Every structure is written in structure tokens, then in C-alpha cells.
Amino acid sequence: MSGSKYMQRAIALALENVRTSSGGPFGAVIVRNGEIIAEGANEVTTTNDPTAHAEIVAIREACAKLDTFELADCEIYASCEPCPMCLGAIYWSRLQRIYYANTRAEAADIGFDDDLIYREIGLDPAVRSVPAEQLVTDDPMMVFRTWMESPNKIMY
């Protein structure tokens, strides 16, 4: 199956999602060695889970199927340029390449504007529109030290 076929499948998932009122207009597939190993469609409104974007759904399925948290030998085909959350998940799962159809500007034109988040990421946490503040405890590094010293830790 060529790259365009994988993209067509991601788009078909998005279209089916819209036609069945199952979620937003987004689909994704994860491919390894020329085989689709996972698929996802946006499930935000059907699961009441704001993290259930198509890419996240597909990453979760791929990791469960392959019994791993790294997808370094896989590629993702998404019907739209990934949002910041999905982009982060793609990097954390170590997918080797991203292919997308629609751009984030085109998504913004229909009401899915991630530009605020892209801008906020670069700001100091205290001045973001959702401010963040560090609360220091008596020994904030205790958990990190314990983890670093653990002989059973799995690096990721």
C-alpha cells in the first residue's frame, strides 16, 4: 500500500466519523513495514475525553498491539496536521515520520484553532492564559532521587 493509500484511509476514518456523528473530522493510521497496525478517529465528544484525538487513539492502539511504548519503526498518517498535544505524543512515542493532509491553518478556518496553544508553549509558565506556579515542598527531589536509584526503572 502506498503512502497515498494510507492517507486515504486516515481521511476515510475522518469522513466516517463526521457522517456517523461520532466525533470531530480527524482520522489517523499508524504504519509499520507497509502494514497498517493501528487506526484512530477523533473520539472527544463520544467519550467525553479531550485527549481522545485521532492520533492519540491510534498511538494507544499501536502501543497496546505491539506491547511497547516506543513506535520508532512506525509512521503516522493523519488527516490533519497534528495539534500540540498530538505532536507531543508523536515525539514521546518516537514515531519516525508524520504525514498529514490538511494544515493547522485549514483546521482553524473551520473552528479548530490550536494557534493559542502553539503560542502559549513558548511563554513563561506564570504568564500563560492558564497560569502555572511551582509549589516547592520540603524535599521536591526525593521522588526523582528514588527513581534514579531504583534498579527496576525502565528508561523512556
Protein backbone atom coordinates (compact mmCIF):
# COMPACT_ATOMS: atom_id res chain seq x y z
CA MET A 1 0.00 0.00 0.00
CA SER A 2 1.49 3.36 -0.98
CA GLY A 3 1.63 6.41 1.23
CA SER A 4 -1.35 7.94 -0.53
CA LYS A 5 -3.39 4.82 0.28
CA TYR A 6 -2.57 5.19 3.98
CA MET A 7 -3.57 8.84 3.84
CA GLN A 8 -6.79 7.92 2.06
CA ARG A 9 -7.55 5.52 4.92
CA ALA A 10 -6.94 8.27 7.51
CA ILE A 11 -9.26 10.57 5.56
CA ALA A 12 -11.87 7.80 5.26
CA LEU A 13 -11.82 7.36 9.04
CA ALA A 14 -12.33 11.11 9.49
CA LEU A 15 -15.17 11.19 6.98
CA GLU A 16 -16.91 8.21 8.57
CA ASN A 17 -16.59 9.94 11.94
CA VAL A 18 -18.35 13.02 10.57
CA ARG A 19 -21.06 11.03 8.77
CA THR A 20 -21.89 8.99 11.89
CA SER A 21 -21.61 11.98 14.26
CA SER A 22 -19.02 10.01 16.22
CA GLY A 23 -16.57 12.87 16.73
CA GLY A 24 -14.51 15.51 15.01
CA PRO A 25 -13.31 15.39 11.40
CA PHE A 26 -9.99 13.72 12.11
CA GLY A 27 -8.52 10.29 11.41
CA ALA A 28 -5.09 8.68 11.72
CA VAL A 29 -3.35 5.43 10.89
CA ILE A 30 -0.03 4.06 12.08
CA VAL A 31 2.01 2.02 9.62
CA ARG A 32 4.90 -0.34 10.22
CA ASN A 33 6.72 -2.16 7.44
CA GLY A 34 3.99 -1.38 4.92
CA GLU A 35 1.13 -2.59 7.14
CA ILE A 36 -1.47 -0.56 9.00
CA ILE A 37 -1.12 -1.65 12.60
CA ALA A 38 -3.48 0.86 14.23
CA GLU A 39 -6.23 3.28 13.33
CA GLY A 40 -7.90 6.09 15.18
CA ALA A 41 -10.67 8.58 14.73
CA ASN A 42 -11.45 11.55 16.94
CA GLU A 43 -13.50 10.39 19.95
CA VAL A 44 -13.51 13.56 22.04
CA THR A 45 -17.28 14.09 22.11
CA THR A 46 -18.31 10.43 22.21
CA THR A 47 -16.01 9.54 25.12
CA ASN A 48 -16.01 12.94 26.86
CA ASP A 49 -12.23 12.72 26.74
CA PRO A 50 -10.49 15.87 25.48
CA THR A 51 -7.33 13.81 24.82
CA ALA A 52 -9.08 11.33 22.51
CA HIS A 53 -7.76 12.86 19.29
CA ALA A 54 -7.34 10.52 16.31
CA GLU A 55 -3.56 10.43 16.64
CA ILE A 56 -3.71 9.65 20.36
CA VAL A 57 -6.30 6.90 19.80
CA ALA A 58 -4.08 5.37 17.09
CA ILE A 59 -0.92 5.64 19.22
CA ARG A 60 -2.65 3.95 22.16
CA GLU A 61 -3.89 1.13 19.92
CA ALA A 62 -0.49 0.65 18.28
CA CYS A 63 1.34 0.54 21.60
CA ALA A 64 -1.16 -1.95 23.03
CA LYS A 65 -0.98 -4.12 19.92
CA LEU A 66 2.83 -4.10 19.80
CA ASP A 67 3.21 -4.24 23.61
CA THR A 68 5.62 -1.29 23.67
CA PHE A 69 5.70 2.42 24.43
CA GLU A 70 8.05 3.18 21.52
CA LEU A 71 6.94 3.20 17.90
CA ALA A 72 10.32 4.08 16.40
CA ASP A 73 9.83 1.80 13.41
CA CYS A 74 6.42 3.27 12.55
CA GLU A 75 4.98 6.24 10.67
CA ILE A 76 1.73 8.11 11.24
CA TYR A 77 -0.66 9.34 8.59
CA ALA A 78 -3.08 11.97 9.89
CA SER A 79 -5.92 13.65 8.09
CA CYS A 80 -4.73 16.97 9.56
CA GLU A 81 -1.51 18.47 10.85
CA PRO A 82 -1.26 17.33 14.48
CA CYS A 83 -2.18 19.69 17.31
CA PRO A 84 0.43 20.43 20.01
CA MET A 85 -0.82 17.60 22.26
CA CYS A 86 -0.71 15.05 19.44
CA LEU A 87 2.64 16.34 18.26
CA GLY A 88 3.99 15.82 21.77
CA ALA A 89 2.60 12.27 21.84
CA ILE A 90 4.15 11.57 18.44
CA TYR A 91 7.54 12.69 19.71
CA TRP A 92 7.17 10.77 23.01
CA SER A 93 6.21 7.58 21.14
CA ARG A 94 9.16 8.17 18.80
CA LEU A 95 7.24 7.73 15.55
CA GLN A 96 9.76 8.19 12.75
CA ARG A 97 7.69 10.33 10.36
CA ILE A 98 4.45 12.31 10.18
CA TYR A 99 2.36 12.66 7.03
CA TYR A 100 -0.69 14.93 7.09
CA ALA A 101 -3.32 16.15 4.65
CA ASN A 102 -4.95 19.35 5.93
CA THR A 103 -2.89 22.07 7.60
CA ARG A 104 -3.49 23.57 11.02
CA ALA A 105 -4.46 26.83 9.25
CA GLU A 106 -7.17 24.96 7.35
CA ALA A 107 -8.37 23.41 10.63
CA ALA A 108 -8.51 26.88 12.17
CA ASP A 109 -10.71 28.02 9.29
CA ILE A 110 -13.39 25.53 10.43
CA GLY A 111 -13.09 26.29 14.14
CA PHE A 112 -10.22 24.05 15.34
CA ASP A 113 -7.65 26.70 16.19
CA ASP A 114 -4.60 25.36 18.02
CA ASP A 115 -2.61 28.54 17.49
CA LEU A 116 -3.19 29.71 21.07
CA ILE A 117 -1.54 26.55 22.40
CA TYR A 118 1.37 26.83 19.97
CA ARG A 119 1.94 30.41 21.21
CA GLU A 120 1.48 29.56 24.89
CA ILE A 121 4.09 26.79 24.91
CA GLY A 122 6.91 29.28 24.44
CA LEU A 123 5.76 31.56 27.27
CA ASP A 124 6.96 31.55 30.85
CA PRO A 125 4.52 29.32 32.77
CA ALA A 126 3.44 32.15 35.08
CA VAL A 127 2.19 34.35 32.22
CA ARG A 128 0.25 31.78 30.22
CA SER A 129 -3.52 32.17 29.93
CA VAL A 130 -3.72 29.16 32.27
CA PRO A 131 -1.04 30.25 34.75
CA ALA A 132 1.24 27.65 36.32
CA GLU A 133 3.13 28.09 39.55
CA GLN A 134 5.76 25.87 41.11
CA LEU A 135 4.98 24.90 44.71
CA VAL A 136 8.15 23.75 46.42
CA THR A 137 7.87 21.11 49.13
CA ASP A 138 10.40 20.20 51.83
CA ASP A 139 12.15 17.72 49.54
CA PRO A 140 10.94 18.14 45.96
CA MET A 141 13.72 15.96 44.53
CA MET A 142 13.00 12.93 46.76
CA VAL A 143 10.83 11.16 44.19
CA PHE A 144 13.33 11.84 41.40
CA ARG A 145 16.24 10.57 43.52
CA THR A 146 14.29 7.44 44.44
CA TRP A 147 13.52 6.79 40.77
CA MET A 148 17.12 7.37 39.68
CA GLU A 149 18.36 4.95 42.35
CA SER A 150 15.80 2.26 41.52
CA PRO A 151 17.35 -0.82 39.90
CA ASN A 152 13.94 -1.63 38.37
CA LYS A 153 13.36 1.60 36.44
CA ILE A 154 12.69 1.49 32.73
CA MET A 155 14.05 4.49 30.88
CA TYR A 156 11.81 6.04 28.29
